[in-house]
Amino acid sequence: MITPKRAQGDWGEEKAVEFLLKKGYDIVTRNFRVKMGELDAVAWHKKHHFGMTLCFIEVKTREKNDGNAERATGWEKLQRMMRAARAYCMRERIDIGRTPIQFEQVSVYGIEGNPVFRHYVIPVD
């Protein structure tokens, strides 16, 4: 049984992928899961300063456009994303020493069926 929250999340992920495709992202994987974490989307995108960059993307969907989605990706979630990203790179034989990598978040706010997007780079120190 799909819960309303899961249905909302699935809708948001689909809308986020459409949004990223329009921005020139090449989505290569969706819903990559390993024991240590998960990635909603993995994509290649040409960045101004770095060229082709491997992007690991978290999608958060909320009903109200109140900034709550942005606050939902904290330090622990980022750590799980980083572990999943390492596993993805190992599986795909991507040399992380030579490949520009970026972590991003797309917040999707479902305002009366018309999504509003906020797209961020997640700083990793």
PDB file of N, CA and C in Angstrom:
ATOM      1  N   MET A   1       0.839  -1.186   0.000  1.00  0.00           N
ATOM      2  CA  MET A   1       0.000   0.000   0.000  1.00  0.00           C
ATOM      3  C   MET A   1       0.884   1.250   0.000  1.00  0.00           C
ATOM      4  N   ILE A   2       0.613   2.152  -0.879  1.00  0.00           N
ATOM      5  CA  ILE A   2       1.372   3.398  -0.974  1.00  0.00           C
ATOM      6  C   ILE A   2       0.697   4.448  -0.092  1.00  0.00           C
ATOM      7  N   THR A   3       1.477   4.995   0.827  1.00  0.00           N
ATOM      8  CA  THR A   3       0.949   6.020   1.724  1.00  0.00           C
ATOM      9  C   THR A   3       0.868   7.362   0.990  1.00  0.00           C
ATOM     10  N   PRO A   4       0.030   8.274   1.471  1.00  0.00           N
ATOM     11  CA  PRO A   4      -0.035   9.608   0.848  1.00  0.00           C
ATOM     12  C   PRO A   4       1.320  10.316   0.842  1.00  0.00           C
ATOM     13  N   LYS A   5       2.103  10.141   1.902  1.00  0.00           N
ATOM     14  CA  LYS A   5       3.428  10.766   1.956  1.00  0.00           C
ATOM     15  C   LYS A   5       4.336  10.195   0.873  1.00  0.00           C
ATOM     16  N   ARG A   6       4.293   8.870   0.691  1.00  0.00           N
ATOM     17  CA  ARG A   6       5.112   8.236  -0.347  1.00  0.00           C
ATOM     18  C   ARG A   6       4.666   8.678  -1.736  1.00  0.00           C
ATOM     19  N   ALA A   7       3.360   8.776  -1.949  1.00  0.00           N
ATOM     20  CA  ALA A   7       2.838   9.232  -3.245  1.00  0.00           C
ATOM     21  C   ALA A   7       3.300  10.657  -3.526  1.00  0.00           C
ATOM     22  N   GLN A   8       3.286  11.514  -2.510  1.00  0.00           N
ATOM     23  CA  GLN A   8       3.753  12.889  -2.670  1.00  0.00           C
ATOM     24  C   GLN A   8       5.243  12.901  -3.012  1.00  0.00           C
ATOM     25  N   GLY A   9       6.033  12.073  -2.320  1.00  0.00           N
ATOM     26  CA  GLY A   9       7.462  11.989  -2.596  1.00  0.00           C
ATOM     27  C   GLY A   9       7.759  11.496  -4.004  1.00  0.00           C
ATOM     28  N   ASP A  10       7.025  10.484  -4.456  1.00  0.00           N
ATOM     29  CA  ASP A  10       7.197   9.963  -5.819  1.00  0.00           C
ATOM     30  C   ASP A  10       6.864  11.034  -6.847  1.00  0.00           C
ATOM     31  N   TRP A  11       5.773  11.776  -6.606  1.00  0.00           N
ATOM     32  CA  TRP A  11       5.374  12.868  -7.503  1.00  0.00           C
ATOM     33  C   TRP A  11       6.482  13.923  -7.550  1.00  0.00           C
ATOM     34  N   GLY A  12       7.013  14.286  -6.389  1.00  0.00           N
ATOM     35  CA  GLY A  12       8.066  15.290  -6.320  1.00  0.00           C
ATOM     36  C   GLY A  12       9.332  14.849  -7.030  1.00  0.00           C
ATOM     37  N   GLU A  13       9.699  13.585  -6.873  1.00  0.00           N
ATOM     38  CA  GLU A  13      10.892  13.087  -7.557  1.00  0.00           C
ATOM     39  C   GLU A  13      10.713  13.137  -9.070  1.00  0.00           C
ATOM     40  N   GLU A  14       9.533  12.770  -9.531  1.00  0.00           N
ATOM     41  CA  GLU A  14       9.266  12.811 -10.972  1.00  0.00           C
ATOM     42  C   GLU A  14       9.357  14.249 -11.492  1.00  0.00           C
ATOM     43  N   LYS A  15       8.758  15.182 -10.773  1.00  0.00           N
ATOM     44  CA  LYS A  15       8.797  16.592 -11.173  1.00  0.00           C
ATOM     45  C   LYS A  15      10.225  17.145 -11.115  1.00  0.00           C
ATOM     46  N   ALA A  16      10.993  16.725 -10.106  1.00  0.00           N
ATOM     47  CA  ALA A  16      12.379  17.181  -9.976  1.00  0.00           C
ATOM     48  C   ALA A  16      13.208  16.694 -11.164  1.00  0.00           C
ATOM     49  N   VAL A  17      13.014  15.447 -11.575  1.00  0.00           N
ATOM     50  CA  VAL A  17      13.743  14.919 -12.728  1.00  0.00           C
ATOM     51  C   VAL A  17      13.385  15.709 -13.980  1.00  0.00           C
ATOM     52  N   GLU A  18      12.104  16.001 -14.180  1.00  0.00           N
ATOM     53  CA  GLU A  18      11.701  16.809 -15.335  1.00  0.00           C
ATOM     54  C   GLU A  18      12.385  18.176 -15.292  1.00  0.00           C
ATOM     55  N   PHE A  19      12.431  18.785 -14.124  1.00  0.00           N
ATOM     56  CA  PHE A  19      13.082  20.076 -13.915  1.00  0.00           C
ATOM     57  C   PHE A  19      14.574  19.998 -14.272  1.00  0.00           C
ATOM     58  N   LEU A  20      15.248  18.958 -13.792  1.00  0.00           N
ATOM     59  CA  LEU A  20      16.680  18.809 -14.055  1.00  0.00           C
ATOM     60  C   LEU A  20      16.958  18.541 -15.532  1.00  0.00           C
ATOM     61  N   LEU A  21      16.127  17.732 -16.166  1.00  0.00           N
ATOM     62  CA  LEU A  21      16.300  17.475 -17.598  1.00  0.00           C
ATOM     63  C   LEU A  21      16.212  18.770 -18.396  1.00  0.00           C
ATOM     64  N   LYS A  22      15.278  19.639 -18.039  1.00  0.00           N
ATOM     65  CA  LYS A  22      15.146  20.934 -18.724  1.00  0.00           C
ATOM     66  C   LYS A  22      16.365  21.818 -18.515  1.00  0.00           C
ATOM     67  N   LYS A  23      17.093  21.587 -17.411  1.00  0.00           N
ATOM     68  CA  LYS A  23      18.305  22.356 -17.128  1.00  0.00           C
ATOM     69  C   LYS A  23      19.552  21.711 -17.731  1.00  0.00           C
ATOM     70  N   GLY A  24      19.366  20.651 -18.510  1.00  0.00           N
ATOM     71  CA  GLY A  24      20.483  20.030 -19.207  1.00  0.00           C
ATOM     72  C   GLY A  24      21.167  18.899 -18.466  1.00  0.00           C
ATOM     73  N   TYR A  25      20.569  18.407 -17.397  1.00  0.00           N
ATOM     74  CA  TYR A  25      21.141  17.283 -16.675  1.00  0.00           C
ATOM     75  C   TYR A  25      20.881  15.990 -17.442  1.00  0.00           C
ATOM     76  N   ASP A  26      21.848  15.088 -17.401  1.00  0.00           N
ATOM     77  CA  ASP A  26      21.699  13.761 -17.981  1.00  0.00           C
ATOM     78  C   ASP A  26      21.540  12.782 -16.816  1.00  0.00           C
ATOM     79  N   ILE A  27      20.302  12.414 -16.525  1.00  0.00           N
ATOM     80  CA  ILE A  27      20.010  11.520 -15.405  1.00  0.00           C
ATOM     81  C   ILE A  27      20.460  10.108 -15.786  1.00  0.00           C
ATOM     82  N   VAL A  28      21.355   9.537 -14.973  1.00  0.00           N
ATOM     83  CA  VAL A  28      21.860   8.195 -15.279  1.00  0.00           C
ATOM     84  C   VAL A  28      21.308   7.136 -14.332  1.00  0.00           C
ATOM     85  N   THR A  29      20.887   7.541 -13.149  1.00  0.00           N
ATOM     86  CA  THR A  29      20.352   6.587 -12.182  1.00  0.00           C
ATOM     87  C   THR A  29      19.335   7.291 -11.297  1.00  0.00           C
ATOM     88  N   ARG A  30      18.297   6.559 -10.960  1.00  0.00           N
ATOM     89  CA  ARG A  30      17.323   7.057  -9.995  1.00  0.00           C
ATOM     90  C   ARG A  30      17.166   6.025  -8.894  1.00  0.00           C
ATOM     91  N   ASN A  31      16.950   6.525  -7.675  1.00  0.00           N
ATOM     92  CA  ASN A  31      16.700   5.666  -6.510  1.00  0.00           C
ATOM     93  C   ASN A  31      17.774   4.598  -6.316  1.00  0.00           C
ATOM     94  N   PHE A  32      19.021   5.032  -6.297  1.00  0.00           N
ATOM     95  CA  PHE A  32      20.139   4.129  -6.033  1.00  0.00           C
ATOM     96  C   PHE A  32      20.192   3.884  -4.533  1.00  0.00           C
ATOM     97  N   ARG A  33      20.079   2.614  -4.139  1.00  0.00           N
ATOM     98  CA  ARG A  33      20.051   2.266  -2.723  1.00  0.00           C
ATOM     99  C   ARG A  33      21.104   1.217  -2.408  1.00  0.00           C
ATOM    100  N   VAL A  34      21.812   1.465  -1.327  1.00  0.00           N
ATOM    101  CA  VAL A  34      22.734   0.492  -0.745  1.00  0.00           C
ATOM    102  C   VAL A  34      22.485   0.514   0.752  1.00  0.00           C
ATOM    103  N   LYS A  35      23.071  -0.441   1.445  1.00  0.00           N
ATOM    104  CA  LYS A  35      22.835  -0.552   2.890  1.00  0.00           C
ATOM    105  C   LYS A  35      23.147   0.754   3.623  1.00  0.00           C
ATOM    106  N   MET A  36      24.185   1.458   3.193  1.00  0.00           N
ATOM    107  CA  MET A  36      24.634   2.629   3.926  1.00  0.00           C
ATOM    108  C   MET A  36      23.977   3.943   3.523  1.00  0.00           C
ATOM    109  N   GLY A  37      23.097   3.925   2.538  1.00  0.00           N
ATOM    110  CA  GLY A  37      22.425   5.166   2.152  1.00  0.00           C
ATOM    111  C   GLY A  37      21.715   5.048   0.823  1.00  0.00           C
ATOM    112  N   GLU A  38      21.184   6.178   0.376  1.00  0.00           N
ATOM    113  CA  GLU A  38      20.465   6.190  -0.894  1.00  0.00           C
ATOM    114  C   GLU A  38      20.657   7.522  -1.591  1.00  0.00           C
ATOM    115  N   LEU A  39      20.435   7.491  -2.900  1.00  0.00           N
ATOM    116  CA  LEU A  39      20.518   8.685  -3.735  1.00  0.00           C
ATOM    117  C   LEU A  39      19.246   8.740  -4.572  1.00  0.00           C
ATOM    118  N   ASP A  40      18.559   9.868  -4.530  1.00  0.00           N
ATOM    119  CA  ASP A  40      17.328   9.987  -5.311  1.00  0.00           C
ATOM    120  C   ASP A  40      17.621  10.025  -6.805  1.00  0.00           C
ATOM    121  N   ALA A  41      18.702  10.709  -7.176  1.00  0.00           N
ATOM    122  CA  ALA A  41      19.084  10.783  -8.588  1.00  0.00           C
ATOM    123  C   ALA A  41      20.586  10.985  -8.689  1.00  0.00           C
ATOM    124  N   VAL A  42      21.141  10.440  -9.752  1.00  0.00           N
ATOM    125  CA  VAL A  42      22.538  10.660 -10.099  1.00  0.00           C
ATOM    126  C   VAL A  42      22.532  11.151 -11.538  1.00  0.00           C
ATOM    127  N   ALA A  43      23.287  12.225 -11.793  1.00  0.00           N
ATOM    128  CA  ALA A  43      23.259  12.822 -13.121  1.00  0.00           C
ATOM    129  C   ALA A  43      24.609  13.444 -13.467  1.00  0.00           C
ATOM    130  N   TRP A  44      24.845  13.558 -14.752  1.00  0.00           N
ATOM    131  CA  TRP A  44      25.986  14.320 -15.252  1.00  0.00           C
ATOM    132  C   TRP A  44      25.462  15.688 -15.686  1.00  0.00           C
ATOM    133  N   HIS A  45      26.249  16.720 -15.392  1.00  0.00           N
ATOM    134  CA  HIS A  45      25.861  18.062 -15.805  1.00  0.00           C
ATOM    135  C   HIS A  45      27.120  18.880 -16.051  1.00  0.00           C
ATOM    136  N   LYS A  46      27.115  19.653 -17.119  1.00  0.00           N
ATOM    137  CA  LYS A  46      28.274  20.487 -17.438  1.00  0.00           C
ATOM    138  C   LYS A  46      28.222  21.754 -16.593  1.00  0.00           C
ATOM    139  N   LYS A  47      29.218  21.896 -15.709  1.00  0.00           N
ATOM    140  CA  LYS A  47      29.318  23.061 -14.836  1.00  0.00           C
ATOM    141  C   LYS A  47      30.288  24.058 -15.446  1.00  0.00           C
ATOM    142  N   HIS A  48      30.044  25.313 -15.198  1.00  0.00           N
ATOM    143  CA  HIS A  48      30.826  26.390 -15.805  1.00  0.00           C
ATOM    144  C   HIS A  48      32.324  26.238 -15.531  1.00  0.00           C
ATOM    145  N   HIS A  49      32.706  26.010 -14.297  1.00  0.00           N
ATOM    146  CA  HIS A  49      34.125  25.971 -13.943  1.00  0.00           C
ATOM    147  C   HIS A  49      34.742  24.573 -13.959  1.00  0.00           C
ATOM    148  N   PHE A  50      33.930  23.546 -13.844  1.00  0.00           N
ATOM    149  CA  PHE A  50      34.472  22.200 -13.673  1.00  0.00           C
ATOM    150  C   PHE A  50      34.244  21.279 -14.859  1.00  0.00           C
ATOM    151  N   GLY A  51      33.437  21.684 -15.805  1.00  0.00           N
ATOM    152  CA  GLY A  51      33.108  20.801 -16.918  1.00  0.00           C
ATOM    153  C   GLY A  51      32.107  19.740 -16.478  1.00  0.00           C
ATOM    154  N   MET A  52      32.180  18.574 -17.102  1.00  0.00           N
ATOM    155  CA  MET A  52      31.226  17.520 -16.771  1.00  0.00           C
ATOM    156  C   MET A  52      31.422  17.079 -15.322  1.00  0.00           C
ATOM    157  N   THR A  53      30.356  17.203 -14.560  1.00  0.00           N
ATOM    158  CA  THR A  53      30.379  16.947 -13.127  1.00  0.00           C
ATOM    159  C   THR A  53      29.343  15.892 -12.794  1.00  0.00           C
ATOM    160  N   LEU A  54      29.726  14.954 -11.939  1.00  0.00           N
ATOM    161  CA  LEU A  54      28.802  13.926 -11.477  1.00  0.00           C
ATOM    162  C   LEU A  54      28.042  14.484 -10.282  1.00  0.00           C
ATOM    163  N   CYS A  55      26.729  14.564 -10.396  1.00  0.00           N
ATOM    164  CA  CYS A  55      25.884  15.191  -9.382  1.00  0.00           C
ATOM    165  C   CYS A  55      25.049  14.128  -8.672  1.00  0.00           C
ATOM    166  N   PHE A  56      25.114  14.169  -7.353  1.00  0.00           N
ATOM    167  CA  PHE A  56      24.299  13.297  -6.520  1.00  0.00           C
ATOM    168  C   PHE A  56      23.204  14.170  -5.926  1.00  0.00           C
ATOM    169  N   ILE A  57      21.949  13.834  -6.214  1.00  0.00           N
ATOM    170  CA  ILE A  57      20.843  14.745  -5.961  1.00  0.00           C
ATOM    171  C   ILE A  57      19.837  14.163  -4.982  1.00  0.00           C
ATOM    172  N   GLU A  58      19.534  14.951  -3.970  1.00  0.00           N
ATOM    173  CA  GLU A  58      18.498  14.638  -2.982  1.00  0.00           C
ATOM    174  C   GLU A  58      17.256  15.446  -3.352  1.00  0.00           C
ATOM    175  N   VAL A  59      16.101  14.805  -3.329  1.00  0.00           N
ATOM    176  CA  VAL A  59      14.846  15.496  -3.616  1.00  0.00           C
ATOM    177  C   VAL A  59      13.991  15.480  -2.362  1.00  0.00           C
ATOM    178  N   LYS A  60      13.498  16.639  -1.990  1.00  0.00           N
ATOM    179  CA  LYS A  60      12.575  16.772  -0.861  1.00  0.00           C
ATOM    180  C   LYS A  60      11.309  17.439  -1.370  1.00  0.00           C
ATOM    181  N   THR A  61      10.174  16.851  -1.036  1.00  0.00           N
ATOM    182  CA  THR A  61       8.892  17.369  -1.493  1.00  0.00           C
ATOM    183  C   THR A  61       8.045  17.760  -0.298  1.00  0.00           C
ATOM    184  N   ARG A  62       7.474  18.931  -0.374  1.00  0.00           N
ATOM    185  CA  ARG A  62       6.582  19.417   0.667  1.00  0.00           C
ATOM    186  C   ARG A  62       5.377  20.076   0.009  1.00  0.00           C
ATOM    187  N   GLU A  63       4.292  20.115   0.757  1.00  0.00           N
ATOM    188  CA  GLU A  63       3.073  20.726   0.233  1.00  0.00           C
ATOM    189  C   GLU A  63       3.144  22.244   0.273  1.00  0.00           C
ATOM    190  N   LYS A  64       3.622  22.786   1.405  1.00  0.00           N
ATOM    191  CA  LYS A  64       3.654  24.234   1.588  1.00  0.00           C
ATOM    192  C   LYS A  64       5.040  24.779   1.259  1.00  0.00           C
ATOM    193  N   ASN A  65       5.064  25.914   0.587  1.00  0.00           N
ATOM    194  CA  ASN A  65       6.304  26.577   0.201  1.00  0.00           C
ATOM    195  C   ASN A  65       6.798  27.439   1.362  1.00  0.00           C
ATOM    196  N   ASP A  66       7.328  26.766   2.396  1.00  0.00           N
ATOM    197  CA  ASP A  66       7.736  27.477   3.609  1.00  0.00           C
ATOM    198  C   ASP A  66       9.203  27.268   3.967  1.00  0.00           C
ATOM    199  N   GLY A  67       9.987  26.670   3.060  1.00  0.00           N
ATOM    200  CA  GLY A  67      11.392  26.438   3.322  1.00  0.00           C
ATOM    201  C   GLY A  67      11.681  25.181   4.112  1.00  0.00           C
ATOM    202  N   ASN A  68      10.649  24.460   4.490  1.00  0.00           N
ATOM    203  CA  ASN A  68      10.826  23.257   5.298  1.00  0.00           C
ATOM    204  C   ASN A  68      11.637  22.183   4.579  1.00  0.00           C
ATOM    205  N   ALA A  69      11.496  22.066   3.289  1.00  0.00           N
ATOM    206  CA  ALA A  69      12.229  21.033   2.545  1.00  0.00           C
ATOM    207  C   ALA A  69      13.730  21.268   2.610  1.00  0.00           C
ATOM    208  N   GLU A  70      14.140  22.519   2.544  1.00  0.00           N
ATOM    209  CA  GLU A  70      15.573  22.830   2.594  1.00  0.00           C
ATOM    210  C   GLU A  70      16.191  22.407   3.921  1.00  0.00           C
ATOM    211  N   ARG A  71      15.449  22.527   4.978  1.00  0.00           N
ATOM    212  CA  ARG A  71      15.963  22.175   6.306  1.00  0.00           C
ATOM    213  C   ARG A  71      15.961  20.671   6.562  1.00  0.00           C
ATOM    214  N   ALA A  72      15.389  19.895   5.671  1.00  0.00           N
ATOM    215  CA  ALA A  72      15.242  18.458   5.890  1.00  0.00           C
ATOM    216  C   ALA A  72      16.509  17.656   5.572  1.00  0.00           C
ATOM    217  N   THR A  73      17.478  18.260   4.896  1.00  0.00           N
ATOM    218  CA  THR A  73      18.720  17.560   4.584  1.00  0.00           C
ATOM    219  C   THR A  73      19.798  18.058   5.523  1.00  0.00           C
ATOM    220  N   GLY A  74      19.991  17.307   6.596  1.00  0.00           N
ATOM    221  CA  GLY A  74      20.971  17.680   7.605  1.00  0.00           C
ATOM    222  C   GLY A  74      22.275  16.919   7.437  1.00  0.00           C
ATOM    223  N   TRP A  75      23.127  17.059   8.425  1.00  0.00           N
ATOM    224  CA  TRP A  75      24.457  16.467   8.406  1.00  0.00           C
ATOM    225  C   TRP A  75      24.398  14.947   8.263  1.00  0.00           C
ATOM    226  N   GLU A  76      23.516  14.285   9.019  1.00  0.00           N
ATOM    227  CA  GLU A  76      23.432  12.820   8.957  1.00  0.00           C
ATOM    228  C   GLU A  76      22.984  12.341   7.575  1.00  0.00           C
ATOM    229  N   LYS A  77      22.007  13.024   7.001  1.00  0.00           N
ATOM    230  CA  LYS A  77      21.540  12.658   5.657  1.00  0.00           C
ATOM    231  C   LYS A  77      22.663  12.845   4.651  1.00  0.00           C
ATOM    232  N   LEU A  78      23.403  13.927   4.763  1.00  0.00           N
ATOM    233  CA  LEU A  78      24.515  14.169   3.859  1.00  0.00           C
ATOM    234  C   LEU A  78      25.580  13.078   4.000  1.00  0.00           C
ATOM    235  N   GLN A  79      25.843  12.631   5.204  1.00  0.00           N
ATOM    236  CA  GLN A  79      26.807  11.548   5.411  1.00  0.00           C
ATOM    237  C   GLN A  79      26.339  10.266   4.720  1.00  0.00           C
ATOM    238  N   ARG A  80      25.049   9.959   4.822  1.00  0.00           N
ATOM    239  CA  ARG A  80      24.509   8.770   4.148  1.00  0.00           C
ATOM    240  C   ARG A  80      24.602   8.927   2.624  1.00  0.00           C
ATOM    241  N   MET A  81      24.345  10.143   2.132  1.00  0.00           N
ATOM    242  CA  MET A  81      24.469  10.405   0.696  1.00  0.00           C
ATOM    243  C   MET A  81      25.912  10.196   0.242  1.00  0.00           C
ATOM    244  N   MET A  82      26.859  10.669   1.036  1.00  0.00           N
ATOM    245  CA  MET A  82      28.266  10.541   0.669  1.00  0.00           C
ATOM    246  C   MET A  82      28.697   9.069   0.636  1.00  0.00           C
ATOM    247  N   ARG A  83      28.226   8.281   1.592  1.00  0.00           N
ATOM    248  CA  ARG A  83      28.554   6.849   1.592  1.00  0.00           C
ATOM    249  C   ARG A  83      27.940   6.164   0.365  1.00  0.00           C
ATOM    250  N   ALA A  84      26.701   6.512   0.049  1.00  0.00           N
ATOM    251  CA  ALA A  84      26.046   5.929  -1.129  1.00  0.00           C
ATOM    252  C   ALA A  84      26.764   6.370  -2.408  1.00  0.00           C
ATOM    253  N   ALA A  85      27.217   7.621  -2.441  1.00  0.00           N
ATOM    254  CA  ALA A  85      27.933   8.128  -3.612  1.00  0.00           C
ATOM    255  C   ALA A  85      29.246   7.359  -3.814  1.00  0.00           C
ATOM    256  N   ARG A  86      29.956   7.097  -2.728  1.00  0.00           N
ATOM    257  CA  ARG A  86      31.195   6.309  -2.835  1.00  0.00           C
ATOM    258  C   ARG A  86      30.890   4.909  -3.377  1.00  0.00           C
ATOM    259  N   ALA A  87      29.807   4.298  -2.863  1.00  0.00           N
ATOM    260  CA  ALA A  87      29.427   2.965  -3.343  1.00  0.00           C
ATOM    261  C   ALA A  87      29.061   3.015  -4.820  1.00  0.00           C
ATOM    262  N   TYR A  88      28.347   4.055  -5.228  1.00  0.00           N
ATOM    263  CA  TYR A  88      27.965   4.204  -6.638  1.00  0.00           C
ATOM    264  C   TYR A  88      29.213   4.318  -7.511  1.00  0.00           C
ATOM    265  N   CYS A  89      30.159   5.152  -7.093  1.00  0.00           N
ATOM    266  CA  CYS A  89      31.383   5.346  -7.877  1.00  0.00           C
ATOM    267  C   CYS A  89      32.191   4.055  -7.962  1.00  0.00           C
ATOM    268  N   MET A  90      32.237   3.309  -6.887  1.00  0.00           N
ATOM    269  CA  MET A  90      32.947   2.019  -6.921  1.00  0.00           C
ATOM    270  C   MET A  90      32.262   1.061  -7.891  1.00  0.00           C
ATOM    271  N   ARG A  91      30.942   0.991  -7.815  1.00  0.00           N
ATOM    272  CA  ARG A  91      30.192   0.083  -8.691  1.00  0.00           C
ATOM    273  C   ARG A  91      30.379   0.441 -10.160  1.00  0.00           C
ATOM    274  N   GLU A  92      30.393   1.742 -10.437  1.00  0.00           N
ATOM    275  CA  GLU A  92      30.487   2.217 -11.824  1.00  0.00           C
ATOM    276  C   GLU A  92      31.929   2.456 -12.278  1.00  0.00           C
ATOM    277  N   ARG A  93      32.878   2.181 -11.385  1.00  0.00           N
ATOM    278  CA  ARG A  93      34.308   2.377 -11.669  1.00  0.00           C
ATOM    279  C   ARG A  93      34.615   3.817 -12.072  1.00  0.00           C
ATOM    280  N   ILE A  94      34.091   4.732 -11.305  1.00  0.00           N
ATOM    281  CA  ILE A  94      34.342   6.160 -11.520  1.00  0.00           C
ATOM    282  C   ILE A  94      35.490   6.579 -10.610  1.00  0.00           C
ATOM    283  N   ASP A  95      36.498   7.178 -11.197  1.00  0.00           N
ATOM    284  CA  ASP A  95      37.670   7.620 -10.452  1.00  0.00           C
ATOM    285  C   ASP A  95      37.338   8.937  -9.751  1.00  0.00           C
ATOM    286  N   ILE A  96      37.077   8.866  -8.443  1.00  0.00           N
ATOM    287  CA  ILE A  96      36.667  10.072  -7.713  1.00  0.00           C
ATOM    288  C   ILE A  96      37.816  11.065  -7.556  1.00  0.00           C
ATOM    289  N   GLY A  97      39.030  10.638  -7.776  1.00  0.00           N
ATOM    290  CA  GLY A  97      40.158  11.554  -7.729  1.00  0.00           C
ATOM    291  C   GLY A  97      40.263  12.427  -8.961  1.00  0.00           C
ATOM    292  N   ARG A  98      39.631  12.020 -10.043  1.00  0.00           N
ATOM    293  CA  ARG A  98      39.707  12.759 -11.308  1.00  0.00           C
ATOM    294  C   ARG A  98      38.353  13.285 -11.794  1.00  0.00           C
ATOM    295  N   THR A  99      37.299  12.927 -11.105  1.00  0.00           N
ATOM    296  CA  THR A  99      35.952  13.304 -11.550  1.00  0.00           C
ATOM    297  C   THR A  99      35.379  14.375 -10.633  1.00  0.00           C
ATOM    298  N   PRO A 100      35.021  15.533 -11.195  1.00  0.00           N
ATOM    299  CA  PRO A 100      34.341  16.532 -10.359  1.00  0.00           C
ATOM    300  C   PRO A 100      33.013  15.977  -9.859  1.00  0.00           C
ATOM    301  N   ILE A 101      32.764  16.145  -8.564  1.00  0.00           N
ATOM    302  CA  ILE A 101      31.552  15.625  -7.933  1.00  0.00           C
ATOM    303  C   ILE A 101      30.879  16.757  -7.173  1.00  0.00           C
ATOM    304  N   GLN A 102      29.545  16.762  -7.216  1.00  0.00           N
ATOM    305  CA  GLN A 102      28.787  17.785  -6.508  1.00  0.00           C
ATOM    306  C   GLN A 102      27.540  17.152  -5.907  1.00  0.00           C
ATOM    307  N   PHE A 103      27.207  17.572  -4.696  1.00  0.00           N
ATOM    308  CA  PHE A 103      25.976  17.139  -4.038  1.00  0.00           C
ATOM    309  C   PHE A 103      24.969  18.279  -4.148  1.00  0.00           C
ATOM    310  N   GLU A 104      23.736  17.937  -4.499  1.00  0.00           N
ATOM    311  CA  GLU A 104      22.705  18.942  -4.725  1.00  0.00           C
ATOM    312  C   GLU A 104      21.393  18.521  -4.088  1.00  0.00           C
ATOM    313  N   GLN A 105      20.540  19.500  -3.895  1.00  0.00           N
ATOM    314  CA  GLN A 105      19.181  19.224  -3.431  1.00  0.00           C
ATOM    315  C   GLN A 105      18.207  19.990  -4.305  1.00  0.00           C
ATOM    316  N   VAL A 106      17.130  19.310  -4.659  1.00  0.00           N
ATOM    317  CA  VAL A 106      16.003  19.964  -5.313  1.00  0.00           C
ATOM    318  C   VAL A 106      14.832  19.869  -4.350  1.00  0.00           C
ATOM    319  N   SER A 107      14.356  21.022  -3.929  1.00  0.00           N
ATOM    320  CA  SER A 107      13.152  21.081  -3.095  1.00  0.00           C
ATOM    321  C   SER A 107      11.976  21.314  -4.024  1.00  0.00           C
ATOM    322  N   VAL A 108      10.959  20.501  -3.870  1.00  0.00           N
ATOM    323  CA  VAL A 108       9.766  20.599  -4.702  1.00  0.00           C
ATOM    324  C   VAL A 108       8.597  20.933  -3.796  1.00  0.00           C
ATOM    325  N   TYR A 109       7.967  22.046  -4.082  1.00  0.00           N
ATOM    326  CA  TYR A 109       6.789  22.450  -3.330  1.00  0.00           C
ATOM    327  C   TYR A 109       5.589  22.313  -4.253  1.00  0.00           C
ATOM    328  N   GLY A 110       4.646  21.454  -3.841  1.00  0.00           N
ATOM    329  CA  GLY A 110       3.463  21.199  -4.661  1.00  0.00           C
ATOM    330  C   GLY A 110       2.371  22.182  -4.343  1.00  0.00           C
ATOM    331  N   ILE A 111       2.415  23.299  -4.999  1.00  0.00           N
ATOM    332  CA  ILE A 111       1.421  24.342  -4.755  1.00  0.00           C
ATOM    333  C   ILE A 111       0.298  24.176  -5.769  1.00  0.00           C
ATOM    334  N   GLU A 112      -0.825  23.661  -5.289  1.00  0.00           N
ATOM    335  CA  GLU A 112      -2.012  23.436  -6.117  1.00  0.00           C
ATOM    336  C   GLU A 112      -1.675  22.698  -7.400  1.00  0.00           C
ATOM    337  N   GLY A 113      -0.813  21.675  -7.290  1.00  0.00           N
ATOM    338  CA  GLY A 113      -0.475  20.856  -8.447  1.00  0.00           C
ATOM    339  C   GLY A 113       0.575  21.447  -9.351  1.00  0.00           C
ATOM    340  N   ASN A 114       0.913  22.717  -9.177  1.00  0.00           N
ATOM    341  CA  ASN A 114       1.962  23.357  -9.969  1.00  0.00           C
ATOM    342  C   ASN A 114       3.221  23.442  -9.130  1.00  0.00           C
ATOM    343  N   PRO A 115       4.207  22.601  -9.427  1.00  0.00           N
ATOM    344  CA  PRO A 115       5.380  22.567  -8.563  1.00  0.00           C
ATOM    345  C   PRO A 115       6.221  23.841  -8.645  1.00  0.00           C
ATOM    346  N   VAL A 116       6.764  24.198  -7.513  1.00  0.00           N
ATOM    347  CA  VAL A 116       7.740  25.275  -7.400  1.00  0.00           C
ATOM    348  C   VAL A 116       9.036  24.616  -6.962  1.00  0.00           C
ATOM    349  N   PHE A 117      10.143  24.995  -7.605  1.00  0.00           N
ATOM    350  CA  PHE A 117      11.421  24.337  -7.350  1.00  0.00           C
ATOM    351  C   PHE A 117      12.410  25.302  -6.720  1.00  0.00           C
ATOM    352  N   ARG A 118      13.223  24.750  -5.828  1.00  0.00           N
ATOM    353  CA  ARG A 118      14.398  25.433  -5.307  1.00  0.00           C
ATOM    354  C   ARG A 118      15.543  24.440  -5.447  1.00  0.00           C
ATOM    355  N   HIS A 119      16.600  24.872  -6.112  1.00  0.00           N
ATOM    356  CA  HIS A 119      17.712  23.989  -6.440  1.00  0.00           C
ATOM    357  C   HIS A 119      18.979  24.538  -5.791  1.00  0.00           C
ATOM    358  N   TYR A 120      19.645  23.683  -5.020  1.00  0.00           N
ATOM    359  CA  TYR A 120      20.816  24.100  -4.237  1.00  0.00           C
ATOM    360  C   TYR A 120      21.975  23.147  -4.427  1.00  0.00           C
ATOM    361  N   VAL A 121      23.165  23.703  -4.306  1.00  0.00           N
ATOM    362  CA  VAL A 121      24.367  22.897  -4.136  1.00  0.00           C
ATOM    363  C   VAL A 121      24.526  22.711  -2.636  1.00  0.00           C
ATOM    364  N   ILE A 122      24.762  21.486  -2.206  1.00  0.00           N
ATOM    365  CA  ILE A 122      24.971  21.204  -0.787  1.00  0.00           C
ATOM    366  C   ILE A 122      26.474  21.305  -0.525  1.00  0.00           C
ATOM    367  N   PRO A 123      26.883  22.239   0.330  1.00  0.00           N
ATOM    368  CA  PRO A 123      28.320  22.361   0.610  1.00  0.00           C
ATOM    369  C   PRO A 123      28.828  21.161   1.404  1.00  0.00           C
ATOM    370  N   VAL A 124      29.963  20.633   0.969  1.00  0.00           N
ATOM    371  CA  VAL A 124      30.574  19.495   1.638  1.00  0.00           C
ATOM    372  C   VAL A 124      31.961  19.935   2.076  1.00  0.00           C
ATOM    373  N   ASP A 125      32.202  19.858   3.361  1.00  0.00           N
ATOM    374  CA  ASP A 125      33.528  20.232   3.876  1.00  0.00           C
ATOM    375  C   ASP A 125      34.281  19.032   4.353  1.00  0.00           C
TER     376      ASP A 125
END
